Amino acid sequence: MSAFVLKIIALISMTFDHASYVIYGRFSFLNYIGRLAFPIFAFQITEGYIHTKNLKKYFLRLFIFALISQIPFLLFHSIISSSRHLNIFFTLFLGLGAITTFDKLRNIECNNKYIHYLYIFLGFISVAVFSTISEITNCDYGYFGVLAIFVFYFFKNHKVLMNIAFILSVIIYQFNNLLKSLSNPGLFEIYLYIIIFTCLPLAFIDLYNNKKGKDIKYLLYLFYPIHLLILYGIHLLT
């Protein structure tokens, strides 16, 4: 399965996720399908980091589209709630920052193994810092968004460990919601399905063949703000 196919799956599932609030005005079964999108986007950030020819341009592209997408995101998000969040491009930007910083720290040349271990430890601390920034700035998916990107990068050569680490991170992220919903079987079932569908993309990611496929880089970037504006427009007309 090429990167192109993965991206198409993510785009379709994301559209289902957002369309749910326009069609039903609430969380629905379409949102379960929508859980497939972010893990694939997070995985693609790690692939982008590994294969990019110009890391600075990659950072700049994510940041520019984060700014472009913010107003469409806020307009669409007003359908769901009155809270204010930063869109997913900010999350991806911080996730890229986390793995870049971690990589640079752990690859610092040092003859003293203890100093080398210290740099690696600081690399993990930097991931925690980026995760915290994502959480306190109300980025979409919060700390989990950055953590997911790091998990896909750190375990990129060990699929089994990557899958286990990702599943654990999803459970930790939803653990508080599960606890709160124990007295409400219907709500508990919803969060359980959210966990299952968030982990389901691992089946597609494991089939990734390391091939790029068709290049739809800017389609991916442009689709996000455009589809949010279209859905918000449909909401206003209905």
Protein backbone atom coordinates (compact mmCIF):
# COMPACT_ATOMS: atom_id res chain seq x y z
CA MET A 1 0.00 0.00 0.00
CA SER A 2 1.57 3.28 -1.13
CA ALA A 3 1.61 6.62 0.65
CA PHE A 4 -0.90 7.84 -1.94
CA VAL A 5 -3.43 5.16 -0.96
CA LEU A 6 -2.93 5.87 2.74
CA LYS A 7 -3.55 9.58 2.18
CA ILE A 8 -6.73 8.93 0.19
CA ILE A 9 -8.04 6.71 3.00
CA ALA A 10 -7.23 9.47 5.52
CA LEU A 11 -8.90 12.19 3.42
CA ILE A 12 -12.07 10.17 2.93
CA SER A 13 -12.35 9.20 6.59
CA MET A 14 -11.68 12.79 7.69
CA THR A 15 -14.48 13.99 5.41
CA PHE A 16 -16.89 11.46 6.93
CA ASP A 17 -15.86 12.63 10.39
CA HIS A 18 -16.54 16.30 9.71
CA ALA A 19 -19.64 15.68 7.59
CA SER A 20 -21.28 13.95 10.55
CA TYR A 21 -21.79 17.27 12.33
CA VAL A 22 -23.36 18.82 9.24
CA ILE A 23 -25.63 15.87 8.47
CA TYR A 24 -26.63 14.86 12.00
CA GLY A 25 -25.57 17.86 14.09
CA ARG A 26 -23.90 15.55 16.57
CA PHE A 27 -21.48 12.65 17.01
CA SER A 28 -22.57 9.68 14.90
CA PHE A 29 -21.30 6.42 13.41
CA LEU A 30 -19.55 8.53 10.74
CA ASN A 31 -17.22 9.85 13.44
CA TYR A 32 -16.02 6.31 14.13
CA ILE A 33 -14.92 6.13 10.49
CA GLY A 34 -13.28 9.52 11.00
CA ARG A 35 -11.00 8.06 13.68
CA LEU A 36 -9.01 6.43 10.87
CA ALA A 37 -7.67 9.75 9.61
CA PHE A 38 -5.34 11.19 12.23
CA PRO A 39 -3.13 8.11 12.83
CA ILE A 40 -2.45 7.98 9.09
CA PHE A 41 -1.62 11.70 8.99
CA ALA A 42 0.67 11.24 12.00
CA PHE A 43 2.43 8.33 10.30
CA GLN A 44 2.84 10.38 7.12
CA ILE A 45 4.59 13.13 9.10
CA THR A 46 7.27 10.64 10.14
CA GLU A 47 7.62 9.49 6.54
CA GLY A 48 7.81 13.10 5.41
CA TYR A 49 10.57 13.78 7.91
CA ILE A 50 12.56 10.74 6.81
CA HIS A 51 12.28 11.43 3.08
CA THR A 52 12.10 15.22 2.81
CA LYS A 53 14.88 16.92 0.89
CA ASN A 54 14.36 20.24 2.66
CA LEU A 55 13.29 20.07 6.30
CA LYS A 56 13.00 23.86 6.65
CA LYS A 57 10.53 24.02 3.75
CA TYR A 58 8.59 21.14 5.27
CA PHE A 59 8.25 23.06 8.55
CA LEU A 60 7.34 26.24 6.71
CA ARG A 61 4.70 24.50 4.58
CA LEU A 62 3.00 23.01 7.63
CA PHE A 63 3.05 26.34 9.46
CA ILE A 64 1.70 28.33 6.50
CA PHE A 65 -1.18 25.93 5.99
CA ALA A 66 -1.82 25.93 9.74
CA LEU A 67 -2.35 29.68 9.51
CA ILE A 68 -4.43 29.40 6.31
CA SER A 69 -6.63 26.70 7.82
CA GLN A 70 -7.29 28.33 11.18
CA ILE A 71 -10.25 30.53 10.19
CA PRO A 72 -11.98 27.73 8.23
CA PHE A 73 -11.33 25.43 11.19
CA LEU A 74 -12.80 27.89 13.70
CA LEU A 75 -15.86 28.46 11.53
CA PHE A 76 -16.47 24.75 11.17
CA HIS A 77 -15.70 24.03 14.83
CA SER A 78 -18.36 26.57 15.85
CA ILE A 79 -20.89 23.99 14.62
CA ILE A 80 -19.63 21.58 17.27
CA SER A 81 -18.88 23.82 20.26
CA SER A 82 -17.95 27.33 21.38
CA SER A 83 -14.47 26.28 22.53
CA ARG A 84 -11.43 27.50 20.64
CA HIS A 85 -8.80 25.14 19.29
CA LEU A 86 -5.85 25.19 16.91
CA ASN A 87 -6.24 23.09 13.80
CA ILE A 88 -4.52 19.80 13.03
CA PHE A 89 -1.69 21.41 11.04
CA PHE A 90 -0.42 23.01 14.25
CA THR A 91 -0.42 19.56 15.86
CA LEU A 92 1.50 18.09 12.92
CA PHE A 93 3.93 21.03 13.04
CA LEU A 94 4.66 20.42 16.73
CA GLY A 95 4.95 16.68 16.13
CA LEU A 96 7.52 17.30 13.41
CA GLY A 97 9.35 19.59 15.83
CA ALA A 98 9.35 16.83 18.45
CA ILE A 99 10.89 14.13 16.26
CA THR A 100 13.37 16.56 14.71
CA THR A 101 14.61 17.74 18.10
CA PHE A 102 14.74 14.20 19.46
CA ASP A 103 16.69 13.02 16.44
CA LYS A 104 19.22 15.85 16.64
CA LEU A 105 19.83 15.32 20.36
CA ARG A 106 20.30 11.56 20.20
CA ASN A 107 22.66 11.86 17.21
CA ILE A 108 25.04 14.35 18.82
CA GLU A 109 28.49 12.82 18.63
CA CYS A 110 29.96 12.21 22.06
CA ASN A 111 32.75 9.92 23.27
CA ASN A 112 31.34 9.75 26.79
CA LYS A 113 28.48 7.23 26.84
CA TYR A 114 26.91 8.83 29.92
CA ILE A 115 26.76 12.20 28.21
CA HIS A 116 25.33 10.43 25.18
CA TYR A 117 22.61 8.91 27.37
CA LEU A 118 21.96 12.36 28.79
CA TYR A 119 21.36 13.72 25.29
CA ILE A 120 18.93 10.88 24.58
CA PHE A 121 17.13 11.63 27.84
CA LEU A 122 16.90 15.28 26.85
CA GLY A 123 15.46 14.11 23.54
CA PHE A 124 12.62 12.38 25.38
CA ILE A 125 12.14 15.51 27.50
CA SER A 126 11.85 17.58 24.32
CA VAL A 127 9.03 15.29 23.10
CA ALA A 128 7.26 15.84 26.43
CA VAL A 129 7.71 19.61 26.02
CA PHE A 130 6.24 19.63 22.50
CA SER A 131 3.38 17.41 23.71
CA THR A 132 2.70 19.82 26.58
CA ILE A 133 2.70 22.80 24.21
CA SER A 134 0.19 21.01 22.00
CA GLU A 135 -2.04 20.36 25.01
CA ILE A 136 -1.96 23.82 26.60
CA THR A 137 -2.49 25.60 23.27
CA ASN A 138 -5.55 23.43 22.57
CA CYS A 139 -4.19 21.92 19.40
CA ASP A 140 -6.45 19.33 17.80
CA TYR A 141 -5.74 15.97 19.52
CA GLY A 142 -3.62 17.72 22.17
CA TYR A 143 -0.64 15.88 23.62
CA PHE A 144 -1.76 12.62 21.99
CA GLY A 145 -1.22 14.13 18.55
CA VAL A 146 2.48 14.75 19.18
CA LEU A 147 2.90 11.47 21.07
CA ALA A 148 1.41 9.49 18.17
CA ILE A 149 3.85 11.04 15.70
CA PHE A 150 6.76 10.25 18.01
CA VAL A 151 5.62 6.64 18.49
CA PHE A 152 5.45 6.10 14.73
CA TYR A 153 8.94 7.58 14.34
CA PHE A 154 10.67 5.96 17.32
CA PHE A 155 9.41 2.46 16.48
CA LYS A 156 9.52 2.86 12.69
CA ASN A 157 11.73 -0.21 12.26
CA HIS A 158 9.76 -2.41 14.68
CA LYS A 159 6.16 -2.79 13.53
CA VAL A 160 5.02 -4.98 16.43
CA LEU A 161 6.42 -2.61 19.04
CA MET A 162 5.04 0.36 17.10
CA ASN A 163 1.57 -1.15 17.11
CA ILE A 164 1.71 -1.99 20.81
CA ALA A 165 3.03 1.46 21.75
CA PHE A 166 0.39 3.20 19.66
CA ILE A 167 -2.47 1.14 21.09
CA LEU A 168 -1.23 1.88 24.62
CA SER A 169 -1.01 5.60 23.85
CA VAL A 170 -4.62 5.57 22.56
CA ILE A 171 -5.83 3.77 25.69
CA ILE A 172 -3.96 6.22 27.94
CA TYR A 173 -5.42 9.16 26.01
CA GLN A 174 -8.97 7.85 26.42
CA PHE A 175 -8.52 6.31 29.88
CA ASN A 176 -10.02 9.22 31.78
CA ASN A 177 -13.07 9.23 29.50
CA LEU A 178 -13.49 5.48 30.01
CA LEU A 179 -13.39 5.89 33.79
CA LYS A 180 -15.93 8.71 33.74
CA SER A 181 -18.29 6.68 31.57
CA LEU A 182 -18.25 3.47 33.64
CA SER A 183 -21.63 4.34 35.15
CA ASN A 184 -23.06 4.98 31.67
CA PRO A 185 -22.90 1.81 29.51
CA GLY A 186 -23.92 3.67 26.34
CA LEU A 187 -21.20 6.29 26.74
CA PHE A 188 -18.63 3.66 27.72
CA GLU A 189 -19.42 1.78 24.50
CA ILE A 190 -18.87 4.96 22.47
CA TYR A 191 -15.39 5.50 23.93
CA LEU A 192 -14.57 1.83 23.48
CA TYR A 193 -15.44 2.05 19.78
CA ILE A 194 -13.42 5.26 19.50
CA ILE A 195 -10.37 3.39 20.81
CA ILE A 196 -10.95 0.48 18.42
CA PHE A 197 -11.41 2.68 15.36
CA THR A 198 -8.44 4.88 16.29
CA CYS A 199 -6.25 1.76 16.36
CA LEU A 200 -7.75 0.28 13.18
CA PRO A 201 -5.51 2.33 10.81
CA LEU A 202 -2.56 0.29 12.06
CA ALA A 203 -3.79 -2.45 9.71
CA PHE A 204 -3.35 -0.09 6.74
CA ILE A 205 -0.07 1.37 8.01
CA ASP A 206 1.38 -2.13 8.41
CA LEU A 207 0.64 -2.73 4.72
CA TYR A 208 2.64 0.35 3.70
CA ASN A 209 5.19 -0.62 1.04
CA ASN A 210 7.49 2.42 1.38
CA LYS A 211 6.45 3.65 -2.05
CA LYS A 212 5.20 7.18 -2.65
CA GLY A 213 2.66 6.50 -5.38
CA LYS A 214 0.99 9.51 -6.97
CA ASP A 215 2.12 12.86 -5.63
CA ILE A 216 -0.86 14.66 -4.03
CA LYS A 217 1.12 16.76 -1.54
CA TYR A 218 -0.68 20.04 -2.16
CA LEU A 219 -4.06 18.36 -2.63
CA LEU A 220 -3.73 17.14 0.95
CA TYR A 221 -2.84 20.59 2.24
CA LEU A 222 -5.52 22.41 0.24
CA PHE A 223 -8.26 19.86 0.83
CA TYR A 224 -8.31 20.46 4.57
CA PRO A 225 -9.31 24.16 4.68
CA ILE A 226 -11.44 23.93 1.52
CA HIS A 227 -13.58 21.02 2.71
CA LEU A 228 -14.09 22.75 6.08
CA LEU A 229 -15.37 25.88 4.34
CA ILE A 230 -17.66 23.84 2.07
CA LEU A 231 -19.12 21.93 5.02
CA TYR A 232 -19.59 25.14 6.98
CA GLY A 233 -21.36 26.67 3.96
CA ILE A 234 -23.66 23.66 3.72
CA HIS A 235 -24.40 24.02 7.43
CA LEU A 236 -25.44 27.64 6.93
CA LEU A 237 -27.75 26.70 4.06
CA THR A 238 -29.53 23.87 5.88
